[in-house]
Each structure stands twice: as C-alpha cells, then as structure tokens.
Amino acid sequence: MTTTTTLTVRRSNERGRAQHGWLDSHHTFSFANYHDPAHVGFRSLRVINEDRVAPLGGFPTHPHRDMEIFSYVVSGKLAHRDSMGNERTLEPGEVQLMSAGSGVTHSEFNPSADDAAHFLQIWIHPRERGLEPRYTEWQPPSGPTPPLTLLISADGRDGSATIAQDADIFRLRLEAGEQTDFEVRPGRGVWLQVIRGRLRVGDQVLEAGDGASTEEAGPLSIMTEGESVEALLFDLG
C-alpha cells in the first residue's frame, strides 16, 4: 500500500519544554506556562507530554475534571493513587486511564530510588462534561501482538481501556524491516506520536519525539527506518 495522504509534522525539537529538577517535560501542545497558538491540540486530543521523572520524584495530589487522562509507561515505574480508591504501580507498556468527569484528585510519582520514570501523559476532551469519574487499565497480553494493538476505545472492545470519547488509540510496534498499513477513514483525523526509533510514512521520516497528523482520508503505509519502532496512533472522530 502506498501512502497518499498529506501529513503535517510536529518535530520533537519544536516542542515546549519545562524543567523542574525532578521533572523534565516536553509539550507537544500548549501546556501550563508554554503557549503556542499554532499548537493547542488536535481534534479532541489536548495534551501530549513526554515526562521524565527523577527517582522518588512526582506530582503531588491535585485535582482534575472534565478530561480523559491516560499515562503510557515507556521505562521505569509510575505509581498512581486517586480519590476513587485506585492505587497502582504501572510497568513499561502498561496504560492507566482516568476519566476525571465531575472531579477527582490524584497523584503520580516514581517509586524507584534508582531509576528515572519515562512516560507519556495524554489528555483528551470527553464527549460531554460532568460524567461520573471512572478508572480503567490496559495491560499487555501474554504472547505475540499485532503491529497495531488497540489500547483504548469508546466501547472497550478487545480488552481495551474505555474512554468517554470517539477515539481509538493504538500502540504501534515494528521490528527492523517491518511495515504496517492504516486506513484513515473519511471524517476522521489521525495523530502519530513516535516514542522510540525512526519510521517512514510516505515521504516523511519521523524520529523519537516527532508527531504527525492528517485529516485526509486514505492509506498510511508505516515502515521502520533501520531499527525497531514504538509509537502511539490516535484515530479521532
């Protein structure tokens, strides 16, 4: 399959950055003190923060409402506690999704005294305000998985975590020399966020930290550029 859709690329080195000693964070979209009117989100996707938290560092208890928030752990561990009674330490490749709804408080911290925690924190606008808060998870199944594995969906199909929005979020993993295809359906938008490795989509080469988007229906052919790749693909209504 040949990629025919047009991509808009957001390079890693163009992102905002915040450094707080215990936290080194790169912001794909406007966040906190970083504001770029050209990059305030994509469809319902509002925040992609790539965070590295120092050993024993973390975010103290703070409130959220009317936002779908999930974390994808790349390396290290991430401990989560919230006012709904959930307490969980996530390992690499695991996902926890909190639907803040009418209001929750939570904390996230790195429980390791030795290793940094590297994860992506993503915020997505919900389909409506004032929903009942919820918490769901996705854990990697045993055995092989397809190159595009569904992590999050509106209906929780295939064991995915459940989100209150018309959004399918996939984990992309390709080994060196592999490729996969994805069809952008009419009326939808796709955002691809590279976590590690280098990949090619059409005539664009993307590296770790890069993002690319399209709202043009058609095929995307995704292939590695000499090494294994890990990324997240957002299919948004």
C-alpha atoms as a PDB file:
ATOM      1  CA  MET A   1       0.000   0.000   0.000  1.00  0.00           C
ATOM      2  CA  THR A   2       1.290   3.468  -0.861  1.00  0.00           C
ATOM      3  CA  THR A   3       0.660   6.444   1.400  1.00  0.00           C
ATOM      4  CA  THR A   4      -1.327   9.086  -0.459  1.00  0.00           C
ATOM      5  CA  THR A   5      -2.463  11.303   2.418  1.00  0.00           C
ATOM      6  CA  THR A   6      -0.734  14.566   3.306  1.00  0.00           C
ATOM      7  CA  LEU A   7       0.977  14.730   6.703  1.00  0.00           C
ATOM      8  CA  THR A   8       1.585  17.730   8.969  1.00  0.00           C
ATOM      9  CA  VAL A   9       4.722  17.099  11.030  1.00  0.00           C
ATOM     10  CA  ARG A  10       5.446  18.396  14.542  1.00  0.00           C
ATOM     11  CA  ARG A  11       9.170  17.906  15.195  1.00  0.00           C
ATOM     12  CA  SER A  12      10.498  16.897  18.586  1.00  0.00           C
ATOM     13  CA  ASN A  13      12.822  19.900  18.863  1.00  0.00           C
ATOM     14  CA  GLU A  14       9.922  22.299  18.221  1.00  0.00           C
ATOM     15  CA  ARG A  15       8.031  21.199  21.344  1.00  0.00           C
ATOM     16  CA  GLY A  16       7.806  23.242  24.513  1.00  0.00           C
ATOM     17  CA  ARG A  17       9.943  22.186  27.457  1.00  0.00           C
ATOM     18  CA  ALA A  18       9.725  22.547  31.216  1.00  0.00           C
ATOM     19  CA  GLN A  19      12.488  21.559  33.638  1.00  0.00           C
ATOM     20  CA  HIS A  20      11.796  21.477  37.363  1.00  0.00           C
ATOM     21  CA  GLY A  21      14.736  19.480  38.709  1.00  0.00           C
ATOM     22  CA  TRP A  22      12.748  16.326  39.424  1.00  0.00           C
ATOM     23  CA  LEU A  23      10.801  16.685  36.136  1.00  0.00           C
ATOM     24  CA  ASP A  24      11.907  17.125  32.530  1.00  0.00           C
ATOM     25  CA  SER A  25       8.811  17.509  30.337  1.00  0.00           C
ATOM     26  CA  HIS A  26       8.356  18.096  26.597  1.00  0.00           C
ATOM     27  CA  HIS A  27       4.996  19.510  25.490  1.00  0.00           C
ATOM     28  CA  THR A  28       3.670  18.698  22.024  1.00  0.00           C
ATOM     29  CA  PHE A  29       0.781  21.125  22.608  1.00  0.00           C
ATOM     30  CA  SER A  30       0.372  24.261  24.718  1.00  0.00           C
ATOM     31  CA  PHE A  31       0.528  23.374  28.406  1.00  0.00           C
ATOM     32  CA  ALA A  32       0.991  25.283  31.691  1.00  0.00           C
ATOM     33  CA  ASN A  33       3.449  28.150  31.038  1.00  0.00           C
ATOM     34  CA  TYR A  34       4.128  27.053  27.457  1.00  0.00           C
ATOM     35  CA  HIS A  35       1.703  28.576  24.972  1.00  0.00           C
ATOM     36  CA  ASP A  36       1.881  28.304  21.201  1.00  0.00           C
ATOM     37  CA  PRO A  37      -1.330  29.420  19.471  1.00  0.00           C
ATOM     38  CA  ALA A  38      -0.445  27.226  16.479  1.00  0.00           C
ATOM     39  CA  HIS A  39      -0.329  24.109  18.676  1.00  0.00           C
ATOM     40  CA  VAL A  40      -3.151  23.910  21.204  1.00  0.00           C
ATOM     41  CA  GLY A  41      -4.391  20.408  20.344  1.00  0.00           C
ATOM     42  CA  PHE A  42      -5.641  18.220  17.520  1.00  0.00           C
ATOM     43  CA  ARG A  43      -9.368  17.446  17.411  1.00  0.00           C
ATOM     44  CA  SER A  44     -10.212  16.053  20.877  1.00  0.00           C
ATOM     45  CA  LEU A  45      -6.510  15.469  21.651  1.00  0.00           C
ATOM     46  CA  ARG A  46      -5.433  18.240  24.027  1.00  0.00           C
ATOM     47  CA  VAL A  47      -2.125  17.231  25.690  1.00  0.00           C
ATOM     48  CA  ILE A  48       0.841  15.001  24.868  1.00  0.00           C
ATOM     49  CA  ASN A  49       3.534  15.471  27.489  1.00  0.00           C
ATOM     50  CA  GLU A  50       6.659  13.318  27.386  1.00  0.00           C
ATOM     51  CA  ASP A  51       7.768  13.244  31.017  1.00  0.00           C
ATOM     52  CA  ARG A  52      10.916  12.013  32.712  1.00  0.00           C
ATOM     53  CA  VAL A  53      10.601  11.959  36.484  1.00  0.00           C
ATOM     54  CA  ALA A  54      13.686  11.620  38.685  1.00  0.00           C
ATOM     55  CA  PRO A  55      13.897   8.826  41.272  1.00  0.00           C
ATOM     56  CA  LEU A  56      11.384   9.387  44.104  1.00  0.00           C
ATOM     57  CA  GLY A  57      10.026  12.493  42.335  1.00  0.00           C
ATOM     58  CA  GLY A  58       6.437  13.027  41.321  1.00  0.00           C
ATOM     59  CA  PHE A  59       3.275  15.057  41.089  1.00  0.00           C
ATOM     60  CA  PRO A  60       1.595  15.620  44.469  1.00  0.00           C
ATOM     61  CA  THR A  61      -2.163  15.216  44.857  1.00  0.00           C
ATOM     62  CA  HIS A  62      -4.005  17.628  42.565  1.00  0.00           C
ATOM     63  CA  PRO A  63      -7.499  17.923  41.034  1.00  0.00           C
ATOM     64  CA  HIS A  64      -8.830  17.266  37.513  1.00  0.00           C
ATOM     65  CA  ARG A  65     -12.267  17.459  35.962  1.00  0.00           C
ATOM     66  CA  ASP A  66     -13.860  17.011  32.532  1.00  0.00           C
ATOM     67  CA  MET A  67     -10.823  15.398  30.926  1.00  0.00           C
ATOM     68  CA  GLU A  68      -9.827  11.877  29.850  1.00  0.00           C
ATOM     69  CA  ILE A  69      -6.259  11.367  31.116  1.00  0.00           C
ATOM     70  CA  PHE A  70      -4.011   8.403  30.477  1.00  0.00           C
ATOM     71  CA  SER A  71      -0.364   7.532  31.014  1.00  0.00           C
ATOM     72  CA  TYR A  72       1.718   5.191  28.866  1.00  0.00           C
ATOM     73  CA  VAL A  73       4.868   3.987  30.617  1.00  0.00           C
ATOM     74  CA  VAL A  74       7.981   3.753  28.420  1.00  0.00           C
ATOM     75  CA  SER A  75      10.562   2.793  31.066  1.00  0.00           C
ATOM     76  CA  GLY A  76      10.788   2.701  34.830  1.00  0.00           C
ATOM     77  CA  LYS A  77       7.698   2.622  37.039  1.00  0.00           C
ATOM     78  CA  LEU A  78       4.841   5.021  37.714  1.00  0.00           C
ATOM     79  CA  ALA A  79       2.729   4.866  40.885  1.00  0.00           C
ATOM     80  CA  HIS A  80      -0.851   6.195  40.721  1.00  0.00           C
ATOM     81  CA  ARG A  81      -3.263   6.995  43.559  1.00  0.00           C
ATOM     82  CA  ASP A  82      -6.646   8.679  43.225  1.00  0.00           C
ATOM     83  CA  SER A  83      -9.701   9.727  45.196  1.00  0.00           C
ATOM     84  CA  MET A  84     -11.709   6.833  43.707  1.00  0.00           C
ATOM     85  CA  GLY A  85      -9.594   4.426  45.759  1.00  0.00           C
ATOM     86  CA  ASN A  86      -7.342   3.202  42.956  1.00  0.00           C
ATOM     87  CA  GLU A  87      -3.703   2.576  43.843  1.00  0.00           C
ATOM     88  CA  ARG A  88      -1.473   1.008  41.209  1.00  0.00           C
ATOM     89  CA  THR A  89       2.177   0.893  40.087  1.00  0.00           C
ATOM     90  CA  LEU A  90       2.482   0.678  36.315  1.00  0.00           C
ATOM     91  CA  GLU A  91       5.260  -1.144  34.454  1.00  0.00           C
ATOM     92  CA  PRO A  92       6.583  -0.379  30.931  1.00  0.00           C
ATOM     93  CA  GLY A  93       3.951  -0.844  28.235  1.00  0.00           C
ATOM     94  CA  GLU A  94       1.030  -0.594  30.664  1.00  0.00           C
ATOM     95  CA  VAL A  95      -1.687   2.042  30.490  1.00  0.00           C
ATOM     96  CA  GLN A  96      -3.966   3.566  33.115  1.00  0.00           C
ATOM     97  CA  LEU A  97      -6.862   5.794  32.051  1.00  0.00           C
ATOM     98  CA  MET A  98      -8.719   8.108  34.407  1.00  0.00           C
ATOM     99  CA  SER A  99     -11.972   9.727  33.301  1.00  0.00           C
ATOM    100  CA  ALA A 100     -11.951  12.766  35.577  1.00  0.00           C
ATOM    101  CA  GLY A 101     -15.576  13.667  34.821  1.00  0.00           C
ATOM    102  CA  SER A 102     -17.237  15.730  37.554  1.00  0.00           C
ATOM    103  CA  GLY A 103     -13.991  15.799  39.539  1.00  0.00           C
ATOM    104  CA  VAL A 104     -11.216  13.650  41.017  1.00  0.00           C
ATOM    105  CA  THR A 105      -7.880  14.135  42.726  1.00  0.00           C
ATOM    106  CA  HIS A 106      -4.829  12.007  42.082  1.00  0.00           C
ATOM    107  CA  SER A 107      -1.064  11.794  42.416  1.00  0.00           C
ATOM    108  CA  GLU A 108       1.601  10.211  40.238  1.00  0.00           C
ATOM    109  CA  PHE A 109       5.142   9.538  41.353  1.00  0.00           C
ATOM    110  CA  ASN A 110       8.232   7.484  40.649  1.00  0.00           C
ATOM    111  CA  PRO A 111       8.595   4.889  43.420  1.00  0.00           C
ATOM    112  CA  SER A 112      12.156   3.925  42.430  1.00  0.00           C
ATOM    113  CA  ALA A 113      15.125   5.279  44.381  1.00  0.00           C
ATOM    114  CA  ASP A 114      17.477   4.476  41.492  1.00  0.00           C
ATOM    115  CA  ASP A 115      15.808   4.755  38.078  1.00  0.00           C
ATOM    116  CA  ALA A 116      14.015   7.580  36.279  1.00  0.00           C
ATOM    117  CA  ALA A 117      10.437   7.063  35.104  1.00  0.00           C
ATOM    118  CA  HIS A 118       9.789   7.850  31.432  1.00  0.00           C
ATOM    119  CA  PHE A 119       6.170   8.060  30.317  1.00  0.00           C
ATOM    120  CA  LEU A 120       3.715   9.890  28.083  1.00  0.00           C
ATOM    121  CA  GLN A 121       0.798  11.668  29.731  1.00  0.00           C
ATOM    122  CA  ILE A 122      -2.094  12.334  27.366  1.00  0.00           C
ATOM    123  CA  TRP A 123      -5.269  14.367  27.851  1.00  0.00           C
ATOM    124  CA  ILE A 124      -8.326  14.030  25.616  1.00  0.00           C
ATOM    125  CA  HIS A 125     -11.509  16.096  25.858  1.00  0.00           C
ATOM    126  CA  PRO A 126     -14.534  13.936  26.801  1.00  0.00           C
ATOM    127  CA  ARG A 127     -17.693  13.742  24.711  1.00  0.00           C
ATOM    128  CA  GLU A 128     -19.579  15.669  27.417  1.00  0.00           C
ATOM    129  CA  ARG A 129     -18.973  17.398  30.722  1.00  0.00           C
ATOM    130  CA  GLY A 130     -19.921  16.249  34.208  1.00  0.00           C
ATOM    131  CA  LEU A 131     -19.637  12.498  33.637  1.00  0.00           C
ATOM    132  CA  GLU A 132     -19.171  10.100  36.530  1.00  0.00           C
ATOM    133  CA  PRO A 133     -15.432   9.599  37.189  1.00  0.00           C
ATOM    134  CA  ARG A 134     -14.021   6.207  36.142  1.00  0.00           C
ATOM    135  CA  TYR A 135     -10.715   4.342  36.079  1.00  0.00           C
ATOM    136  CA  THR A 136      -9.695   1.600  33.639  1.00  0.00           C
ATOM    137  CA  GLU A 137      -6.436  -0.057  32.602  1.00  0.00           C
ATOM    138  CA  TRP A 138      -4.790  -1.885  29.738  1.00  0.00           C
ATOM    139  CA  GLN A 139      -2.083  -4.459  30.289  1.00  0.00           C
ATOM    140  CA  PRO A 140      -0.071  -6.225  27.571  1.00  0.00           C
ATOM    141  CA  PRO A 141      -1.482  -9.698  26.890  1.00  0.00           C
ATOM    142  CA  SER A 142       0.740 -12.747  27.015  1.00  0.00           C
ATOM    143  CA  GLY A 143       2.007 -13.907  23.655  1.00  0.00           C
ATOM    144  CA  PRO A 144       2.539 -12.032  20.390  1.00  0.00           C
ATOM    145  CA  THR A 145       0.534  -8.941  19.482  1.00  0.00           C
ATOM    146  CA  PRO A 146      -0.131  -7.355  16.082  1.00  0.00           C
ATOM    147  CA  PRO A 147       1.909  -4.315  14.974  1.00  0.00           C
ATOM    148  CA  LEU A 148      -1.090  -2.093  15.778  1.00  0.00           C
ATOM    149  CA  THR A 149      -2.619  -3.110  19.109  1.00  0.00           C
ATOM    150  CA  LEU A 150      -5.751  -1.379  20.414  1.00  0.00           C
ATOM    151  CA  LEU A 151      -5.118   0.134  23.867  1.00  0.00           C
ATOM    152  CA  ILE A 152      -8.113   2.441  24.339  1.00  0.00           C
ATOM    153  CA  SER A 153     -11.539   2.715  22.711  1.00  0.00           C
ATOM    154  CA  ALA A 154     -15.008   4.101  23.367  1.00  0.00           C
ATOM    155  CA  ASP A 155     -16.546   0.619  23.639  1.00  0.00           C
ATOM    156  CA  GLY A 156     -13.743  -1.248  25.430  1.00  0.00           C
ATOM    157  CA  ARG A 157     -13.518  -3.862  22.687  1.00  0.00           C
ATOM    158  CA  ASP A 158     -10.677  -6.381  22.513  1.00  0.00           C
ATOM    159  CA  GLY A 159      -9.822  -5.781  26.164  1.00  0.00           C
ATOM    160  CA  SER A 160      -9.003  -2.107  25.675  1.00  0.00           C
ATOM    161  CA  ALA A 161      -9.377   0.580  28.349  1.00  0.00           C
ATOM    162  CA  THR A 162     -12.564   2.627  27.965  1.00  0.00           C
ATOM    163  CA  ILE A 163     -12.621   6.319  27.086  1.00  0.00           C
ATOM    164  CA  ALA A 164     -15.587   8.735  27.037  1.00  0.00           C
ATOM    165  CA  GLN A 165     -14.809   9.971  23.533  1.00  0.00           C
ATOM    166  CA  ASP A 166     -14.912   8.782  19.921  1.00  0.00           C
ATOM    167  CA  ALA A 167     -11.251   7.779  19.939  1.00  0.00           C
ATOM    168  CA  ASP A 168      -9.290   4.635  19.183  1.00  0.00           C
ATOM    169  CA  ILE A 169      -5.700   4.657  20.446  1.00  0.00           C
ATOM    170  CA  PHE A 170      -3.266   2.043  19.200  1.00  0.00           C
ATOM    171  CA  ARG A 171       0.235   1.027  20.227  1.00  0.00           C
ATOM    172  CA  LEU A 172       2.483   0.632  17.186  1.00  0.00           C
ATOM    173  CA  ARG A 173       5.447  -1.711  17.456  1.00  0.00           C
ATOM    174  CA  LEU A 174       7.533  -2.726  14.472  1.00  0.00           C
ATOM    175  CA  GLU A 175      10.806  -4.604  14.337  1.00  0.00           C
ATOM    176  CA  ALA A 176      13.575  -3.573  11.929  1.00  0.00           C
ATOM    177  CA  GLY A 177      12.476  -4.083   8.324  1.00  0.00           C
ATOM    178  CA  GLU A 178       8.770  -4.415   9.125  1.00  0.00           C
ATOM    179  CA  GLN A 179       5.870  -2.268   7.968  1.00  0.00           C
ATOM    180  CA  THR A 180       2.143  -1.990   8.511  1.00  0.00           C
ATOM    181  CA  ASP A 181      -0.762  -0.109   6.941  1.00  0.00           C
ATOM    182  CA  PHE A 182      -3.529   2.022   8.413  1.00  0.00           C
ATOM    183  CA  GLU A 183      -6.564   3.446   6.618  1.00  0.00           C
ATOM    184  CA  VAL A 184      -7.675   6.955   7.581  1.00  0.00           C
ATOM    185  CA  ARG A 185     -11.452   6.895   7.289  1.00  0.00           C
ATOM    186  CA  PRO A 186     -13.467   9.832   5.910  1.00  0.00           C
ATOM    187  CA  GLY A 187     -14.314  12.424   8.531  1.00  0.00           C
ATOM    188  CA  ARG A 188     -11.629  11.316  10.975  1.00  0.00           C
ATOM    189  CA  GLY A 189      -8.193  12.579  11.974  1.00  0.00           C
ATOM    190  CA  VAL A 190      -5.060  10.619  12.846  1.00  0.00           C
ATOM    191  CA  TRP A 191      -2.145  11.668  15.033  1.00  0.00           C
ATOM    192  CA  LEU A 192       1.005   9.514  15.167  1.00  0.00           C
ATOM    193  CA  GLN A 193       3.433  10.112  18.069  1.00  0.00           C
ATOM    194  CA  VAL A 194       6.830   8.410  17.875  1.00  0.00           C
ATOM    195  CA  ILE A 195       8.255   7.151  21.183  1.00  0.00           C
ATOM    196  CA  ARG A 196      11.439   5.453  20.019  1.00  0.00           C
ATOM    197  CA  GLY A 197      13.142   4.548  16.751  1.00  0.00           C
ATOM    198  CA  ARG A 198      12.767   6.045  13.278  1.00  0.00           C
ATOM    199  CA  LEU A 199       9.921   5.358  10.884  1.00  0.00           C
ATOM    200  CA  ARG A 200       8.806   6.430   7.449  1.00  0.00           C
ATOM    201  CA  VAL A 201       5.274   7.420   6.462  1.00  0.00           C
ATOM    202  CA  GLY A 202       5.159   8.238   2.770  1.00  0.00           C
ATOM    203  CA  ASP A 203       7.953  10.719   2.094  1.00  0.00           C
ATOM    204  CA  GLN A 204       8.273  11.768   5.758  1.00  0.00           C
ATOM    205  CA  VAL A 205      10.823  10.295   8.145  1.00  0.00           C
ATOM    206  CA  LEU A 206       9.851  10.636  11.820  1.00  0.00           C
ATOM    207  CA  GLU A 207      12.118  10.211  14.831  1.00  0.00           C
ATOM    208  CA  ALA A 208      11.554   9.803  18.568  1.00  0.00           C
ATOM    209  CA  GLY A 209       9.510  12.727  19.896  1.00  0.00           C
ATOM    210  CA  ASP A 210       8.135  13.671  16.465  1.00  0.00           C
ATOM    211  CA  GLY A 211       4.404  13.751  15.799  1.00  0.00           C
ATOM    212  CA  ALA A 212       2.488  13.766  12.514  1.00  0.00           C
ATOM    213  CA  SER A 213      -1.173  14.305  11.732  1.00  0.00           C
ATOM    214  CA  THR A 214      -3.625  14.106   8.865  1.00  0.00           C
ATOM    215  CA  GLU A 215      -7.343  14.666   8.365  1.00  0.00           C
ATOM    216  CA  GLU A 216      -7.258  13.448   4.781  1.00  0.00           C
ATOM    217  CA  ALA A 217      -8.865  10.075   4.106  1.00  0.00           C
ATOM    218  CA  GLY A 218      -6.631   7.474   2.561  1.00  0.00           C
ATOM    219  CA  PRO A 219      -3.944   4.894   3.300  1.00  0.00           C
ATOM    220  CA  LEU A 220      -0.928   5.310   5.556  1.00  0.00           C
ATOM    221  CA  SER A 221       1.976   2.951   4.996  1.00  0.00           C
ATOM    222  CA  ILE A 222       4.244   2.923   8.050  1.00  0.00           C
ATOM    223  CA  MET A 223       7.667   1.287   7.938  1.00  0.00           C
ATOM    224  CA  THR A 224      10.830   1.254  10.020  1.00  0.00           C
ATOM    225  CA  GLU A 225      13.980   3.110   9.058  1.00  0.00           C
ATOM    226  CA  GLY A 226      16.675   0.673  10.102  1.00  0.00           C
ATOM    227  CA  GLU A 227      15.611  -0.053  13.697  1.00  0.00           C
ATOM    228  CA  SER A 228      12.665  -1.123  15.804  1.00  0.00           C
ATOM    229  CA  VAL A 229       9.926   1.429  16.436  1.00  0.00           C
ATOM    230  CA  GLU A 230       7.417   2.175  19.183  1.00  0.00           C
ATOM    231  CA  ALA A 231       4.683   4.799  18.730  1.00  0.00           C
ATOM    232  CA  LEU A 232       1.109   5.697  19.596  1.00  0.00           C
ATOM    233  CA  LEU A 233      -1.518   6.186  16.882  1.00  0.00           C
ATOM    234  CA  PHE A 234      -4.665   8.197  17.675  1.00  0.00           C
ATOM    235  CA  ASP A 235      -7.712   7.683  15.427  1.00  0.00           C
ATOM    236  CA  LEU A 236     -10.079  10.517  16.361  1.00  0.00           C
ATOM    237  CA  GLY A 237     -13.653  11.326  15.404  1.00  0.00           C
END
